[in-house]
Protein backbone atom coordinates (compact mmCIF):
# COMPACT_ATOMS: atom_id res chain seq x y z
CA MET A 1 9.09 -27.21 7.10
CA MET A 2 7.89 -24.25 5.04
CA THR A 3 10.94 -21.79 4.63
CA PRO A 4 10.35 -18.20 5.48
CA LEU A 5 11.00 -17.46 1.56
CA VAL A 6 8.25 -19.54 0.73
CA PHE A 7 5.93 -18.49 3.29
CA HIS A 8 6.64 -14.60 2.04
CA ARG A 9 5.72 -15.61 -1.36
CA TRP A 10 2.57 -17.70 -0.15
CA ASN A 11 1.50 -14.94 1.82
CA SER A 12 1.86 -12.37 -0.51
CA VAL A 13 -0.41 -14.19 -2.72
CA PHE A 14 -3.03 -14.21 -0.04
CA LEU A 15 -2.42 -10.38 0.56
CA GLY A 16 -2.35 -9.86 -3.22
CA MET A 17 -6.32 -10.62 -2.96
CA PHE A 18 -6.80 -8.05 -0.31
CA ILE A 19 -4.68 -5.45 -2.24
CA VAL A 20 -6.75 -5.88 -5.50
CA LEU A 21 -9.92 -5.03 -3.53
CA HIS A 22 -8.15 -2.21 -1.70
CA PHE A 23 -7.06 -0.66 -5.37
CA ALA A 24 -10.35 -1.35 -6.84
CA THR A 25 -11.58 0.86 -3.95
CA HIS A 26 -9.06 3.61 -4.78
CA LEU A 27 -9.57 3.48 -8.45
CA THR A 28 -13.39 4.20 -7.65
CA GLY A 29 -12.50 7.04 -6.01
CA VAL A 30 -12.06 8.81 -9.74
CA LEU A 31 -15.89 8.81 -9.69
CA GLY A 32 -16.58 10.75 -6.45
CA ILE A 33 -15.98 10.56 -2.69
CA GLN A 34 -19.63 8.88 -2.27
CA ALA A 35 -18.33 6.18 -5.04
CA TYR A 36 -15.33 5.62 -2.84
CA ASN A 37 -17.32 5.22 0.36
CA ASP A 38 -19.87 2.93 -1.34
CA MET A 39 -17.25 0.55 -2.76
CA GLN A 40 -15.54 0.31 0.59
CA ASN A 41 -18.37 -0.33 2.43
CA ALA A 42 -19.31 -3.29 -0.01
CA LEU A 43 -15.93 -4.71 0.11
CA ARG A 44 -15.53 -4.33 4.06
CA GLY A 45 -18.08 -6.94 3.99
CA VAL A 46 -15.47 -9.26 2.44
CA TYR A 47 -12.31 -8.38 4.48
CA ARG A 48 -13.59 -6.58 7.57
CA ASN A 49 -15.75 -9.19 9.22
CA PRO A 50 -14.86 -10.95 12.19
CA ILE A 51 -13.14 -14.09 10.80
CA VAL A 52 -11.27 -12.69 7.81
CA GLU A 53 -9.90 -9.29 9.36
CA PRO A 54 -7.64 -10.80 12.17
CA VAL A 55 -6.27 -13.29 9.72
CA LEU A 56 -5.57 -10.21 7.18
CA LEU A 57 -3.77 -8.42 10.07
CA PHE A 58 -1.83 -11.07 11.19
CA SER A 59 -0.73 -11.95 7.86
CA VAL A 60 0.27 -8.22 7.35
CA VAL A 61 2.44 -8.39 10.47
CA LEU A 62 3.87 -11.61 9.42
CA GLN A 63 5.03 -10.39 6.18
CA ILE A 64 6.65 -7.40 7.79
CA GLY A 65 8.36 -9.41 10.05
CA ILE A 66 9.52 -11.94 7.50
CA GLY A 67 9.90 -9.43 4.86
CA LEU A 68 12.47 -7.55 7.45
CA LEU A 69 14.15 -11.02 7.81
CA LEU A 70 14.85 -11.75 4.27
CA LEU A 71 16.05 -8.44 3.69
CA ILE A 72 18.46 -8.78 6.24
CA ARG A 73 19.65 -12.05 5.10
CA LYS A 74 19.70 -10.81 1.54
CA THR A 75 21.96 -8.17 2.30
CA ARG A 76 24.29 -9.74 4.38
CA ARG A 77 25.00 -12.20 1.80
CA GLY A 78 25.46 -9.62 -0.52
CA LEU A 79 23.93 -7.96 -3.50
CA HIS A 80 24.77 -8.68 -6.96
CA GLY A 81 23.60 -6.83 -9.92
CA ARG A 82 20.34 -4.45 -10.52
CA TRP A 83 17.96 -6.91 -9.93
CA ALA A 84 18.93 -7.70 -6.50
CA TYR A 85 19.31 -4.09 -5.60
CA THR A 86 15.71 -3.39 -7.28
CA GLN A 87 14.18 -6.12 -5.31
CA VAL A 88 15.91 -5.33 -1.92
CA ILE A 89 15.48 -1.58 -2.19
CA SER A 90 11.58 -1.98 -3.07
CA GLY A 91 11.10 -4.17 -0.50
CA PHE A 92 12.52 -2.00 2.28
CA ILE A 93 10.33 0.80 0.96
CA VAL A 94 7.14 -1.50 1.08
CA LEU A 95 8.16 -2.53 4.83
CA VAL A 96 8.41 1.08 5.75
CA PHE A 97 4.93 1.86 3.82
CA LEU A 98 3.45 -1.25 5.59
CA THR A 99 4.64 -0.58 8.91
CA GLN A 100 3.63 3.06 8.74
CA HIS A 101 0.18 2.51 7.27
CA LEU A 102 -0.76 -0.27 10.11
CA SER A 103 0.20 1.98 12.84
CA ALA A 104 -1.71 4.89 11.18
CA LEU A 105 -4.86 2.46 10.93
CA ALA A 106 -4.59 1.53 14.66
CA LEU A 107 -4.44 5.30 15.78
CA ALA A 108 -7.04 6.47 13.77
CA ARG A 109 -9.47 3.72 13.72
CA TRP A 110 -8.81 1.99 17.24
CA ILE A 111 -7.81 4.90 19.49
CA ASP A 112 -9.40 7.78 17.78
CA GLY A 113 -12.49 5.98 16.84
CA LEU A 114 -12.44 7.36 13.37
CA ASP A 115 -14.01 5.68 10.30
CA THR A 116 -11.31 5.21 7.95
CA ASN A 117 -12.94 6.14 4.99
CA PHE A 118 -12.00 8.39 1.70
CA TYR A 119 -11.26 11.18 4.21
CA TRP A 120 -8.68 9.29 6.04
CA PRO A 121 -6.06 9.32 3.30
CA ALA A 122 -7.34 12.55 1.84
CA SER A 123 -6.65 14.49 5.21
CA VAL A 124 -3.34 14.41 4.74
CA MET A 125 -3.10 15.05 1.16
CA SER A 126 -5.07 18.26 1.75
CA GLY A 127 -2.32 20.85 2.46
CA PRO A 128 1.04 21.27 3.75
CA PRO A 129 2.53 20.41 5.93
CA PHE A 130 1.17 17.04 5.73
CA ILE A 131 1.20 16.86 2.16
CA TRP A 132 4.87 17.54 1.92
CA TYR A 133 5.32 13.70 3.54
CA PHE A 134 2.56 12.15 2.07
CA LEU A 135 2.72 12.94 -1.49
CA PRO A 136 5.96 11.11 -1.66
CA TYR A 137 5.20 8.47 0.74
CA TYR A 138 1.92 7.25 -1.23
CA PHE A 139 3.66 7.52 -4.48
CA LEU A 140 6.71 5.60 -3.68
CA GLY A 141 5.04 2.90 -1.70
CA ILE A 142 2.48 1.97 -4.36
CA VAL A 143 5.32 2.25 -6.92
CA ALA A 144 7.68 0.15 -4.90
CA LEU A 145 4.85 -2.18 -4.25
CA PHE A 146 4.38 -2.94 -7.96
CA ILE A 147 8.27 -2.87 -8.56
CA HIS A 148 8.80 -5.78 -5.72
CA LEU A 149 5.89 -7.87 -7.23
CA GLY A 150 7.18 -7.40 -10.73
CA CYS A 151 10.61 -8.64 -9.39
CA GLY A 152 8.80 -11.73 -8.09
CA VAL A 153 6.81 -12.32 -11.04
CA ARG A 154 10.05 -11.92 -13.58
CA LEU A 155 11.68 -14.33 -11.44
CA ALA A 156 9.11 -16.83 -11.32
CA LEU A 157 8.91 -16.63 -15.20
CA LEU A 158 12.70 -17.13 -15.53
CA ARG A 159 12.65 -20.16 -13.21
CA SER A 160 9.64 -21.51 -14.98
CA GLY A 161 11.73 -21.19 -18.61
CA HIS A 162 9.33 -18.15 -19.63
CA ARG A 163 12.44 -15.75 -20.21
CA HIS A 164 10.77 -14.09 -23.22
CA TYR A 165 8.18 -12.70 -20.84
CA ALA A 166 10.07 -12.09 -17.68
CA ALA A 167 11.12 -8.47 -18.77
CA THR A 168 7.64 -7.88 -19.83
CA GLY A 169 6.18 -9.08 -16.40
CA PHE A 170 8.47 -7.12 -14.56
CA TRP A 171 7.76 -3.79 -16.61
CA GLY A 172 4.11 -4.19 -17.22
CA LEU A 173 3.74 -4.35 -13.29
CA THR A 174 5.80 -1.30 -12.80
CA GLY A 175 3.97 0.72 -15.41
CA LEU A 176 0.47 -0.50 -13.73
CA GLY A 177 2.22 0.83 -10.42
CA LEU A 178 3.38 4.27 -11.88
CA ALA A 179 -0.23 4.57 -13.42
CA MET A 180 -1.99 3.70 -10.01
CA ALA A 181 0.10 6.17 -7.99
CA VAL A 182 -0.48 8.95 -10.32
CA ILE A 183 -4.21 8.49 -10.26
CA ILE A 184 -4.73 7.75 -6.54
CA ASN A 185 -2.24 10.79 -5.71
CA LEU A 186 -4.13 12.98 -7.92
CA THR A 187 -7.64 11.68 -6.60
CA LEU A 188 -6.89 12.31 -3.13
CA MET A 189 -5.24 15.76 -3.71
CA GLY A 190 -8.76 16.80 -5.22
CA ALA A 191 -7.66 17.03 -8.84
CA PHE A 192 -11.07 15.48 -10.05
CA PHE A 193 -13.50 17.27 -7.92
CA GLU A 194 -13.62 19.32 -4.53
CA ILE A 195 -12.72 18.08 -1.47
CA ASP A 196 -13.94 19.83 1.81
CA LEU A 197 -12.76 17.74 5.04
CA PRO A 198 -15.36 17.39 7.69
CA ALA A 199 -14.90 18.82 11.09
CA VAL A 200 -13.74 15.81 12.56
CA TRP A 201 -10.83 15.22 10.14
CA ILE A 202 -9.88 18.96 10.65
CA THR A 203 -9.91 18.09 14.40
CA TYR A 204 -7.85 14.71 13.65
CA LEU A 205 -5.09 16.81 11.84
CA GLN A 206 -5.03 19.68 14.58
CA GLY A 207 -3.95 16.78 16.76
CA PHE A 208 -0.43 16.79 14.95
CA VAL A 209 -0.34 20.26 13.95
CA ALA A 210 -2.20 22.76 16.20
CA GLY A 211 -4.24 25.42 14.38
CA TYR A 212 -4.02 23.49 11.02
CA THR A 213 -6.85 24.66 8.64
CA GLN A 214 -7.59 23.27 5.36
């Protein structure tokens, strides 16, 4: 029988394929809003179809649940050393990020009926009070994801006898995560081009803060 830890690792590999596509969309955003939406629409054919999407969403929910279980188990057994703390803290941040991200997706897409394209994340980065929360939210969520992956890669390299590459694997992924977080946040904030939110997204934000204007 597959243990929760083994499932967590293999499920991470499956989700990792989607994460690569997701970040490819975000990085394309540097070229402009239309480039972002075009890339997203093209990739949606891969992961947003009647067969793949339910499996993907179920996989995310399972990863959150099993991740929480493993986090509780590891914490109860006691944490020893900086690597254990790094893995647990980054994992906790990722759990919080995924839980809120999935909930927000359900609200925007299935309840409000919005197309969660470039303007969805850009809307909450358009100004205060939203940006006060979502700037650190996106930054920490992305960095924590890569740190957590880095912990897993480091451990796998150690167990396979490649000790000399373990630290390189961890710091390489951490550095990549930092770079991605900076680029994505700057893009969503409009650092590379002007972002004028469509009226529908202003209305969406006004559902949380009455009278909000960009």
